[in-house]
N, C-alpha and C. Protein backbone atom coordinates (compact mmCIF):
# COMPACT_ATOMS: atom_id res chain seq x y z
N MET A 1 39.45 12.55 -27.60
CA MET A 1 39.88 11.49 -26.45
C MET A 1 39.11 11.54 -25.24
N LEU A 2 38.02 11.15 -25.00
CA LEU A 2 37.66 11.02 -23.36
C LEU A 2 38.55 11.11 -21.95
N ASN A 3 38.48 11.76 -21.39
CA ASN A 3 38.99 12.23 -19.66
C ASN A 3 38.48 11.01 -19.12
N PRO A 4 39.40 10.19 -18.20
CA PRO A 4 39.04 9.55 -17.00
C PRO A 4 37.98 10.25 -16.09
N GLY A 5 37.77 11.34 -15.55
CA GLY A 5 36.71 11.92 -15.58
C GLY A 5 35.10 12.03 -15.50
N SER A 6 35.37 12.52 -17.39
CA SER A 6 33.98 11.97 -17.67
C SER A 6 33.16 11.05 -18.14
N LEU A 7 34.90 10.25 -18.10
CA LEU A 7 34.00 8.39 -18.12
C LEU A 7 34.01 8.04 -17.09
N ARG A 8 34.38 8.29 -16.04
CA ARG A 8 33.85 7.53 -14.92
C ARG A 8 32.07 8.50 -14.30
N ALA A 9 31.98 9.70 -14.93
CA ALA A 9 30.65 10.27 -14.67
C ALA A 9 30.00 9.79 -15.67
N THR A 10 29.85 8.84 -17.10
CA THR A 10 28.82 8.88 -18.05
C THR A 10 28.87 7.23 -17.16
N ARG A 11 29.80 7.01 -16.70
CA ARG A 11 29.33 5.06 -16.56
C ARG A 11 28.66 5.30 -15.31
N LEU A 12 28.83 6.14 -14.34
CA LEU A 12 28.02 6.45 -13.23
C LEU A 12 26.53 6.71 -13.54
N ARG A 13 26.40 7.41 -14.35
CA ARG A 13 24.95 8.22 -15.22
C ARG A 13 24.24 6.71 -15.57
N GLU A 14 24.90 6.13 -16.49
CA GLU A 14 24.69 5.03 -17.29
C GLU A 14 23.75 3.54 -15.98
N LEU A 15 24.90 3.74 -15.43
CA LEU A 15 24.68 2.75 -13.97
C LEU A 15 23.41 3.10 -13.66
N LEU A 16 23.12 4.61 -12.68
CA LEU A 16 21.98 4.84 -12.27
C LEU A 16 20.68 4.77 -13.33
N VAL A 17 20.56 4.90 -14.13
CA VAL A 17 19.97 4.77 -15.31
C VAL A 17 19.21 3.10 -15.27
N VAL A 18 20.32 1.91 -14.89
CA VAL A 18 19.99 0.90 -15.41
C VAL A 18 19.46 0.56 -13.73
N SER A 19 19.64 1.04 -12.86
CA SER A 19 19.17 0.72 -11.51
C SER A 19 17.66 1.53 -11.18
N LEU A 20 17.27 2.49 -12.05
CA LEU A 20 16.40 2.95 -11.85
C LEU A 20 15.30 2.13 -12.68
N LEU A 21 15.81 1.89 -13.86
CA LEU A 21 14.69 0.88 -14.72
C LEU A 21 14.75 0.13 -13.95
N PHE A 22 15.71 -0.82 -13.70
CA PHE A 22 15.60 -2.24 -12.65
C PHE A 22 14.62 -1.93 -11.48
N ALA A 23 14.17 -0.76 -11.06
CA ALA A 23 13.47 -0.64 -9.63
C ALA A 23 12.16 -0.35 -9.85
N LEU A 24 11.93 0.31 -11.43
CA LEU A 24 10.79 0.46 -11.24
C LEU A 24 9.96 -0.55 -12.21
N PHE A 25 10.77 -1.32 -13.09
CA PHE A 25 10.36 -2.80 -13.41
C PHE A 25 9.79 -3.32 -11.92
N CYS A 26 10.89 -3.59 -11.09
CA CYS A 26 10.31 -4.64 -9.48
C CYS A 26 9.07 -3.59 -9.00
N ILE A 27 8.80 -2.50 -9.13
CA ILE A 27 7.73 -1.87 -8.55
C ILE A 27 6.26 -2.50 -8.89
N ALA A 28 6.51 -2.18 -10.83
CA ALA A 28 5.44 -2.50 -11.72
C ALA A 28 5.17 -3.89 -11.38
N LEU A 29 5.92 -4.79 -11.17
CA LEU A 29 5.51 -6.04 -11.25
C LEU A 29 4.78 -6.40 -9.57
N LEU A 30 5.11 -5.86 -8.94
CA LEU A 30 4.59 -5.98 -7.52
C LEU A 30 3.03 -4.98 -7.29
N THR A 31 3.16 -4.41 -8.17
CA THR A 31 2.13 -3.17 -8.30
C THR A 31 0.62 -4.08 -8.86
N PRO A 32 -0.20 -4.31 -7.44
CA PRO A 32 -1.24 -5.04 -8.89
C PRO A 32 -2.16 -3.57 -9.61
N ARG A 33 -1.95 -4.23 -10.65
CA ARG A 33 -3.25 -3.54 -11.80
C ARG A 33 -4.64 -2.90 -11.58
N ALA A 34 -4.88 -2.22 -12.12
CA ALA A 34 -6.16 -1.28 -11.98
C ALA A 34 -7.45 -2.17 -12.82
N ALA A 35 -6.83 -2.99 -14.18
CA ALA A 35 -7.59 -3.59 -14.73
C ALA A 35 -8.12 -5.11 -13.62
N ALA A 36 -7.46 -5.38 -12.99
CA ALA A 36 -7.55 -6.51 -11.92
C ALA A 36 -8.73 -6.52 -11.51
N GLN A 37 -8.55 -5.43 -10.51
CA GLN A 37 -10.31 -4.76 -10.25
C GLN A 37 -11.46 -4.79 -10.43
N GLY A 38 -11.59 -5.44 -11.55
CA GLY A 38 -12.54 -4.96 -12.33
C GLY A 38 -14.52 -4.73 -12.24
N ASP A 39 -14.76 -5.72 -11.89
CA ASP A 39 -16.30 -6.22 -11.50
C ASP A 39 -16.58 -6.59 -10.87
N ALA A 40 -15.23 -7.58 -9.58
CA ALA A 40 -15.09 -8.00 -8.83
C ALA A 40 -16.27 -7.93 -7.48
N GLY A 41 -16.41 -6.54 -7.44
CA GLY A 41 -16.64 -6.32 -6.51
C GLY A 41 -18.28 -5.91 -6.31
N GLY A 42 -18.50 -6.44 -7.12
CA GLY A 42 -20.66 -6.61 -7.05
C GLY A 42 -20.83 -5.34 -7.11
N GLY A 43 -20.48 -4.73 -8.15
CA GLY A 43 -20.88 -3.48 -8.55
C GLY A 43 -20.57 -2.20 -8.10
N ASP A 44 -19.58 -2.41 -6.92
CA ASP A 44 -19.42 -0.82 -6.95
C ASP A 44 -17.96 -0.31 -7.29
N ALA A 45 -18.07 0.57 -7.61
CA ALA A 45 -16.88 1.01 -9.29
C ALA A 45 -15.47 1.50 -8.31
N GLY A 46 -15.53 1.39 -7.55
CA GLY A 46 -14.18 1.36 -6.64
C GLY A 46 -13.72 2.79 -6.63
N ALA A 47 -12.66 3.23 -5.68
CA ALA A 47 -12.54 4.71 -5.71
C ALA A 47 -11.04 5.08 -5.83
N CYS A 48 -10.18 4.16 -6.55
CA CYS A 48 -9.15 4.40 -6.78
C CYS A 48 -8.45 4.32 -7.97
N THR A 49 -8.19 5.35 -8.93
CA THR A 49 -7.46 4.80 -10.11
C THR A 49 -6.31 4.66 -9.98
N LEU A 50 -5.13 3.85 -10.92
CA LEU A 50 -3.93 4.06 -10.67
C LEU A 50 -3.22 4.20 -12.33
N LYS A 51 -2.09 5.42 -11.88
CA LYS A 51 -1.41 6.23 -12.92
C LYS A 51 -0.16 6.28 -12.71
N ASN A 52 0.84 5.98 -13.63
CA ASN A 52 1.73 5.77 -13.48
C ASN A 52 2.40 5.48 -12.06
N HIS A 53 1.98 4.53 -11.90
CA HIS A 53 2.28 3.53 -10.24
C HIS A 53 1.49 3.97 -9.39
N VAL A 54 1.09 5.08 -9.14
CA VAL A 54 0.21 5.79 -7.82
C VAL A 54 -1.17 6.11 -7.96
N TYR A 55 -1.11 5.16 -7.24
CA TYR A 55 -3.16 5.02 -6.90
C TYR A 55 -3.37 6.73 -6.35
N THR A 56 -4.30 7.29 -6.80
CA THR A 56 -5.26 8.08 -6.87
C THR A 56 -6.55 7.73 -6.44
N CYS A 57 -7.17 8.13 -5.07
CA CYS A 57 -8.42 7.57 -4.41
C CYS A 57 -9.67 8.53 -3.78
N ASP A 58 -10.65 7.95 -4.10
CA ASP A 58 -11.31 9.38 -3.91
C ASP A 58 -12.20 9.34 -2.18
N GLY A 59 -11.37 9.94 -1.58
CA GLY A 59 -12.00 9.85 0.29
C GLY A 59 -13.19 9.84 1.11
N ALA A 60 -14.37 10.51 -0.48
CA ALA A 60 -15.56 10.32 0.10
C ALA A 60 -16.33 9.33 0.03
N THR A 61 -15.70 8.76 -1.34
CA THR A 61 -16.09 7.26 -1.92
C THR A 61 -15.83 6.16 -0.58
N PHE A 62 -14.92 6.23 -0.31
CA PHE A 62 -14.33 5.69 0.55
C PHE A 62 -14.56 5.56 1.78
N GLU A 63 -14.81 7.02 3.18
CA GLU A 63 -15.94 7.20 3.85
C GLU A 63 -16.98 6.59 3.90
N LYS A 64 -17.72 6.65 2.47
CA LYS A 64 -19.13 6.19 2.72
C LYS A 64 -18.90 4.70 3.06
N ALA A 65 -17.83 3.87 2.16
CA ALA A 65 -17.39 2.68 2.16
C ALA A 65 -17.28 2.55 3.52
N LEU A 66 -16.55 2.84 4.59
CA LEU A 66 -16.29 2.72 6.09
C LEU A 66 -17.07 2.86 6.66
N ALA A 67 -17.98 4.23 6.71
CA ALA A 67 -19.55 4.60 7.63
C ALA A 67 -20.02 2.98 7.22
N GLY A 68 -20.28 2.38 6.07
CA GLY A 68 -21.34 1.60 6.26
C GLY A 68 -20.84 0.24 6.64
N ALA A 69 -19.22 0.12 6.62
CA ALA A 69 -18.61 -1.92 7.46
C ALA A 69 -19.12 -1.61 8.75
N LYS A 70 -19.56 -3.37 8.68
CA LYS A 70 -19.76 -3.62 10.15
C LYS A 70 -18.58 -4.50 10.52
N THR A 71 -17.98 -5.21 9.17
CA THR A 71 -17.06 -6.30 9.71
C THR A 71 -15.85 -6.19 8.46
N VAL A 72 -14.34 -6.62 9.18
CA VAL A 72 -13.65 -5.92 8.37
C VAL A 72 -12.73 -7.31 8.19
N SER A 73 -11.73 -7.61 7.71
CA SER A 73 -11.04 -9.03 7.48
C SER A 73 -9.50 -7.80 8.10
N VAL A 74 -8.41 -8.81 8.27
CA VAL A 74 -7.00 -8.34 8.36
C VAL A 74 -6.40 -8.69 7.89
N GLU A 75 -5.63 -8.26 6.80
CA GLU A 75 -4.11 -9.03 6.27
C GLU A 75 -2.79 -8.27 5.91
N THR A 76 -2.00 -9.31 6.26
CA THR A 76 -0.41 -8.88 6.69
C THR A 76 0.91 -9.95 6.08
N HIS A 77 1.73 -9.47 5.58
CA HIS A 77 2.79 -9.93 5.16
C HIS A 77 2.84 -11.02 6.06
N ASN A 78 2.81 -12.01 5.25
CA ASN A 78 3.15 -13.61 6.19
C ASN A 78 2.87 -13.58 7.34
N ALA A 79 3.40 -13.56 8.37
CA ALA A 79 2.93 -14.21 9.93
C ALA A 79 3.39 -12.60 10.42
N ASP A 80 3.52 -11.38 10.03
CA ASP A 80 3.75 -10.32 10.48
C ASP A 80 3.03 -10.33 11.37
N GLY A 81 3.32 -10.65 12.80
CA GLY A 81 2.41 -9.83 14.35
C GLY A 81 2.60 -8.32 14.34
N VAL A 82 3.32 -8.05 13.93
CA VAL A 82 3.44 -6.20 14.34
C VAL A 82 2.47 -5.78 14.02
N ALA A 83 2.60 -6.22 12.69
CA ALA A 83 1.22 -5.05 11.70
C ALA A 83 -0.25 -5.84 11.70
N ARG A 84 -0.19 -6.99 12.39
CA ARG A 84 -1.59 -7.65 12.59
C ARG A 84 -2.24 -6.96 14.00
N ALA A 85 -1.37 -6.62 14.71
CA ALA A 85 -1.26 -6.23 16.29
C ALA A 85 -2.58 -4.82 15.91
N GLN A 86 -0.79 -3.67 15.07
CA GLN A 86 -1.69 -2.91 15.21
C GLN A 86 -2.89 -2.50 14.59
N LEU A 87 -2.60 -3.49 13.04
CA LEU A 87 -3.26 -2.74 12.26
C LEU A 87 -5.55 -3.58 12.83
N LYS A 88 -5.31 -4.42 13.67
CA LYS A 88 -6.65 -4.66 14.35
C LYS A 88 -6.83 -3.71 15.39
N ASP A 89 -5.72 -3.48 16.59
CA ASP A 89 -6.07 -2.26 17.12
C ASP A 89 -6.57 -1.10 16.11
N LEU A 90 -6.31 -0.50 14.92
CA LEU A 90 -6.97 0.96 14.65
C LEU A 90 -8.31 0.24 14.03
N VAL A 91 -8.78 -1.16 13.48
CA VAL A 91 -10.18 -0.91 13.29
C VAL A 91 -10.38 -1.76 14.07
N THR A 92 -10.63 -1.94 15.23
CA THR A 92 -11.00 -2.18 16.47
C THR A 92 -11.94 -1.06 17.06
N LYS A 93 -10.46 -0.25 17.88
CA LYS A 93 -10.69 0.53 18.57
C LYS A 93 -10.32 2.09 18.43
N LYS A 94 -10.40 1.84 17.37
CA LYS A 94 -10.04 3.34 16.46
C LYS A 94 -11.28 3.65 15.60
N LEU A 95 -11.58 2.36 14.66
CA LEU A 95 -12.82 2.50 13.85
C LEU A 95 -14.02 1.65 14.63
N GLY A 96 -13.96 1.46 15.66
CA GLY A 96 -15.57 0.70 15.86
C GLY A 96 -15.51 -0.65 15.10
N LYS A 97 -14.59 -0.82 14.13
CA LYS A 97 -15.42 -2.45 13.66
C LYS A 97 -15.05 -3.80 14.42
N THR A 98 -15.76 -4.70 14.02
CA THR A 98 -15.47 -5.91 14.46
C THR A 98 -14.84 -6.77 12.90
N ILE A 99 -13.82 -7.86 13.78
CA ILE A 99 -12.88 -8.74 12.84
C ILE A 99 -14.11 -9.86 12.51
N ALA A 100 -14.15 -10.30 11.09
CA ALA A 100 -15.17 -10.60 10.63
C ALA A 100 -14.51 -12.40 11.17
N ALA A 101 -15.54 -13.45 10.82
CA ALA A 101 -14.96 -14.77 11.56
C ALA A 101 -14.50 -15.01 10.49
N GLN A 102 -13.59 -16.32 10.59
CA GLN A 102 -12.75 -17.07 9.47
C GLN A 102 -13.38 -17.34 8.66
N ASP A 103 -14.71 -18.35 8.84
CA ASP A 103 -16.14 -18.55 7.58
C ASP A 103 -17.06 -17.47 6.94
N THR A 104 -17.05 -16.63 6.79
CA THR A 104 -17.63 -15.19 6.76
C THR A 104 -17.01 -14.11 6.04
N ALA A 105 -17.46 -13.78 4.97
CA ALA A 105 -17.28 -12.33 4.33
C ALA A 105 -17.26 -11.25 4.67
N PRO A 106 -15.94 -10.29 4.62
CA PRO A 106 -15.81 -9.22 5.37
C PRO A 106 -16.78 -8.20 4.63
N ASP A 107 -17.01 -7.17 5.79
CA ASP A 107 -17.67 -5.59 4.42
C ASP A 107 -15.98 -4.76 4.18
N LEU A 108 -14.87 -5.15 4.79
CA LEU A 108 -14.27 -4.45 3.93
C LEU A 108 -12.66 -5.08 4.37
N ILE A 109 -11.97 -5.06 3.57
CA ILE A 109 -10.76 -5.91 3.37
C ILE A 109 -9.58 -5.14 3.69
N PHE A 110 -8.94 -4.99 4.83
CA PHE A 110 -8.18 -4.07 5.00
C PHE A 110 -6.00 -4.93 5.47
N LEU A 111 -5.59 -4.38 3.94
CA LEU A 111 -4.09 -5.43 4.30
C LEU A 111 -2.81 -4.33 4.43
N LEU A 112 -2.53 -4.64 5.23
CA LEU A 112 -0.96 -3.75 5.77
C LEU A 112 0.04 -4.59 4.98
N ILE A 113 1.07 -4.21 3.96
CA ILE A 113 2.31 -4.91 3.25
C ILE A 113 3.24 -3.76 3.43
N PRO A 114 4.43 -4.50 3.40
CA PRO A 114 6.05 -3.71 2.92
C PRO A 114 5.60 -3.45 1.29
N ILE A 115 6.51 -2.75 1.11
CA ILE A 115 6.24 -2.50 -0.58
C ILE A 115 7.64 -3.15 -0.91
N GLY A 116 7.85 -3.89 -1.43
CA GLY A 116 9.04 -4.40 -2.34
C GLY A 116 10.59 -3.50 -2.11
N GLU A 117 11.39 -4.66 -1.85
CA GLU A 117 12.68 -4.06 -1.79
C GLU A 117 13.04 -3.09 -3.27
N GLN A 118 13.52 -1.94 -3.06
CA GLN A 118 13.75 -1.37 -3.71
C GLN A 118 15.24 -1.56 -4.17
N GLY A 119 16.14 -2.32 -3.75
CA GLY A 119 18.04 -1.97 -4.31
C GLY A 119 18.14 -1.12 -3.48
N ILE A 120 19.68 -1.83 -3.74
CA ILE A 120 20.36 -0.40 -2.88
C ILE A 120 20.80 1.24 -3.27
N ASN A 121 19.77 1.78 -3.05
CA ASN A 121 19.35 3.49 -2.92
C ASN A 121 20.91 3.88 -2.89
N ASN A 122 21.06 4.31 -3.88
CA ASN A 122 22.65 5.86 -3.38
C ASN A 122 22.15 7.14 -3.33
N ILE A 123 20.76 7.62 -4.18
CA ILE A 123 20.61 9.07 -4.02
C ILE A 123 19.96 9.08 -2.44
N PRO A 124 20.17 10.36 -1.69
CA PRO A 124 19.43 10.51 -0.51
C PRO A 124 17.94 11.10 -0.65
N GLY A 125 17.56 10.11 0.48
CA GLY A 125 15.55 10.63 -0.11
C GLY A 125 14.77 9.96 0.74
N ASN A 126 13.32 9.82 0.47
CA ASN A 126 12.78 8.81 0.90
C ASN A 126 12.45 7.91 -0.12
N VAL A 127 11.63 6.94 0.21
CA VAL A 127 11.75 5.65 -0.64
C VAL A 127 10.05 5.39 -0.40
N ASP A 128 9.05 4.37 -0.71
CA ASP A 128 8.32 3.83 -0.89
C ASP A 128 8.24 2.44 0.51
N LEU A 129 7.94 2.70 1.42
CA LEU A 129 8.16 1.41 2.50
C LEU A 129 7.19 0.52 2.61
N GLY A 130 5.77 1.23 3.06
CA GLY A 130 4.45 -0.25 3.41
C GLY A 130 3.11 0.83 3.22
N THR A 131 2.96 0.35 2.55
CA THR A 131 1.10 0.25 2.32
C THR A 131 0.08 -0.51 2.89
N LEU A 132 -0.75 0.50 3.41
CA LEU A 132 -2.26 0.01 3.64
C LEU A 132 -3.09 0.08 2.70
N ARG A 133 -3.95 -0.90 2.20
CA ARG A 133 -4.65 -1.04 1.35
C ARG A 133 -5.84 -1.55 1.52
N ILE A 134 -7.26 -0.70 1.26
CA ILE A 134 -8.14 -1.59 1.93
C ILE A 134 -9.33 -2.12 0.60
N TYR A 135 -9.79 -2.32 0.87
CA TYR A 135 -10.72 -3.65 -0.59
C TYR A 135 -12.21 -3.64 -0.16
N SER A 136 -13.08 -3.13 -1.27
CA SER A 136 -14.51 -4.03 -0.82
C SER A 136 -14.11 -5.81 -1.44
N PRO A 137 -14.78 -6.47 -1.12
CA PRO A 137 -14.96 -8.04 -0.70
C PRO A 137 -15.37 -8.38 -2.04
N THR A 138 -15.19 -9.46 -2.84
CA THR A 138 -15.82 -9.82 -4.02
C THR A 138 -16.93 -10.85 -2.96
N PRO A 139 -17.82 -11.27 -3.99
CA PRO A 139 -19.21 -11.80 -3.19
C PRO A 139 -18.34 -13.35 -2.11
N ASP A 140 -17.36 -14.32 -2.56
CA ASP A 140 -17.10 -15.09 -2.14
C ASP A 140 -15.66 -14.50 -0.65
N GLY A 141 -15.72 -13.56 -0.63
CA GLY A 141 -14.48 -13.05 0.50
C GLY A 141 -13.22 -12.57 -0.38
N ALA A 142 -12.89 -12.46 -0.95
CA ALA A 142 -11.88 -12.32 -1.66
C ALA A 142 -11.34 -10.37 -1.93
N ARG A 143 -10.37 -10.38 -2.24
CA ARG A 143 -10.38 -8.25 -2.33
C ARG A 143 -10.84 -8.33 -3.84
N GLY A 144 -11.90 -7.63 -3.65
CA GLY A 144 -12.53 -6.93 -4.46
C GLY A 144 -11.93 -5.91 -5.38
N HIS A 145 -12.48 -4.40 -5.71
CA HIS A 145 -12.45 -2.67 -5.93
C HIS A 145 -11.37 -2.55 -4.27
N LEU A 146 -10.60 -1.83 -5.09
CA LEU A 146 -9.45 -0.90 -4.16
C LEU A 146 -10.29 -0.05 -3.74
N LEU A 147 -10.23 0.40 -2.36
CA LEU A 147 -11.35 1.59 -1.83
C LEU A 147 -10.50 2.86 -1.48
N TRP A 148 -9.77 1.95 -1.11
CA TRP A 148 -8.08 3.36 -0.39
C TRP A 148 -6.89 2.58 -0.37
N ALA A 149 -5.86 3.59 -0.72
CA ALA A 149 -4.70 3.13 -0.93
C ALA A 149 -3.89 4.39 -0.26
N GLU A 150 -2.77 3.74 1.29
CA GLU A 150 -2.11 4.87 1.44
C GLU A 150 -0.25 4.27 1.90
N THR A 151 0.14 4.76 1.51
CA THR A 151 1.49 4.56 1.01
C THR A 151 2.61 5.75 2.29
N TYR A 152 3.12 5.31 2.42
CA TYR A 152 4.15 5.42 3.28
C TYR A 152 5.46 5.49 2.78
N SER A 153 6.15 6.66 2.90
CA SER A 153 7.46 6.71 2.92
C SER A 153 8.59 7.63 3.46
N GLY A 154 9.21 6.88 3.67
CA GLY A 154 10.51 7.66 4.25
C GLY A 154 11.92 6.72 4.36
N GLN A 155 13.23 7.10 4.81
CA GLN A 155 14.43 6.95 4.86
C GLN A 155 13.95 4.71 4.67
N GLN A 156 15.14 4.48 3.73
CA GLN A 156 15.24 2.93 3.37
C GLN A 156 15.59 2.28 5.03
N ASP A 157 16.39 2.59 5.52
CA ASP A 157 16.78 2.00 6.60
C ASP A 157 15.75 1.90 7.86
N LEU A 158 14.71 2.74 7.88
CA LEU A 158 12.86 2.57 8.61
C LEU A 158 13.08 0.95 8.88
N PRO A 159 13.07 0.78 10.45
CA PRO A 159 12.56 -0.95 10.89
C PRO A 159 11.11 -1.07 10.61
N TRP A 160 10.54 -1.92 9.91
CA TRP A 160 9.18 -2.11 9.50
C TRP A 160 8.10 -1.95 10.72
N PRO A 161 8.40 -2.12 12.40
CA PRO A 161 7.91 -1.82 13.17
C PRO A 161 7.19 -0.30 13.23
N ALA A 162 8.08 0.07 13.06
CA ALA A 162 8.18 2.23 12.51
C ALA A 162 7.46 2.07 11.53
N VAL A 163 7.31 1.69 10.22
CA VAL A 163 6.95 2.16 9.45
C VAL A 163 5.50 1.64 9.36
N VAL A 164 5.28 0.47 9.83
CA VAL A 164 3.93 0.17 10.26
C VAL A 164 3.19 1.34 10.91
N HIS A 165 3.59 1.35 12.10
CA HIS A 165 3.10 2.40 12.79
C HIS A 165 2.78 4.16 12.02
N SER A 166 3.53 4.17 11.37
CA SER A 166 4.02 5.55 10.56
C SER A 166 2.72 5.51 9.09
N VAL A 167 2.10 4.20 8.77
CA VAL A 167 2.08 4.19 7.84
C VAL A 167 0.20 4.04 8.71
N ILE A 168 -0.20 3.87 9.60
CA ILE A 168 -1.13 3.55 10.13
C ILE A 168 -1.61 5.02 10.66
N GLN A 169 -0.90 6.31 11.26
CA GLN A 169 -0.85 7.43 11.60
C GLN A 169 -1.03 8.38 10.97
N GLN A 170 -0.50 7.98 9.61
CA GLN A 170 -0.82 8.92 8.30
C GLN A 170 -1.90 8.54 7.81
N PHE A 171 -2.37 7.67 7.56
CA PHE A 171 -3.83 6.87 7.61
C PHE A 171 -5.34 7.95 8.49
N GLN A 172 -4.80 7.35 9.79
CA GLN A 172 -5.27 8.59 10.53
C GLN A 172 -5.38 9.71 10.91
N GLY A 173 -4.45 10.03 10.64
CA GLY A 173 -4.42 11.93 9.87
C GLY A 173 -4.89 12.24 8.73
N HIS A 174 -5.26 11.21 7.33
CA HIS A 174 -6.39 12.14 6.60
C HIS A 174 -7.61 11.87 6.62
N PHE A 175 -7.85 10.58 7.19
CA PHE A 175 -8.97 10.71 7.88
C PHE A 175 -9.48 11.47 9.99
N HIS A 176 -9.03 12.37 10.01
CA HIS A 176 -9.23 12.68 11.44
C HIS A 176 -9.54 11.56 12.46
N ILE A 177 -8.96 10.67 12.68
CA ILE A 177 -9.27 9.62 13.32
C ILE A 177 -8.19 9.33 14.74
N LYS A 178 -9.06 9.48 15.86
CA LYS A 178 -7.99 9.86 16.76
C LYS A 178 -8.08 8.83 17.90
């Protein structure tokens, strides 16, 4: 016969496993697949590969694309004025790029979005909160190959404006952008 303490521990482990599997399933639904980045970018091979839900990107390939870019477009989640303003500041003032006019295809596409809700997290520690992704464009100006993916992790209750600031600071740190 099981004692009540071991039964509770077993049920807690089962609940934790189910919660973890559900969170991984949600992340898988929200994460773009590498295959979706096929040939769309006009011949560049992209700089990122996806393995186990984590992007690994080639910094040298991205830096070459960034150096050659003159115009960029900025995309954020819905009408996110905080992210849009900070992202525009990054690309215009720090990187010296011009925001592409609405009717022209940009050289790069900067996308800054929150990472989907993780649900209740009973385990202390950091969770992925936001991501800055930079794409090459397709000939019609849509997102093509993923060239860089910057993900910021922190405490789940961190406000979105702080996440935006942190992911941009993290990106600047990777490439020594002042």
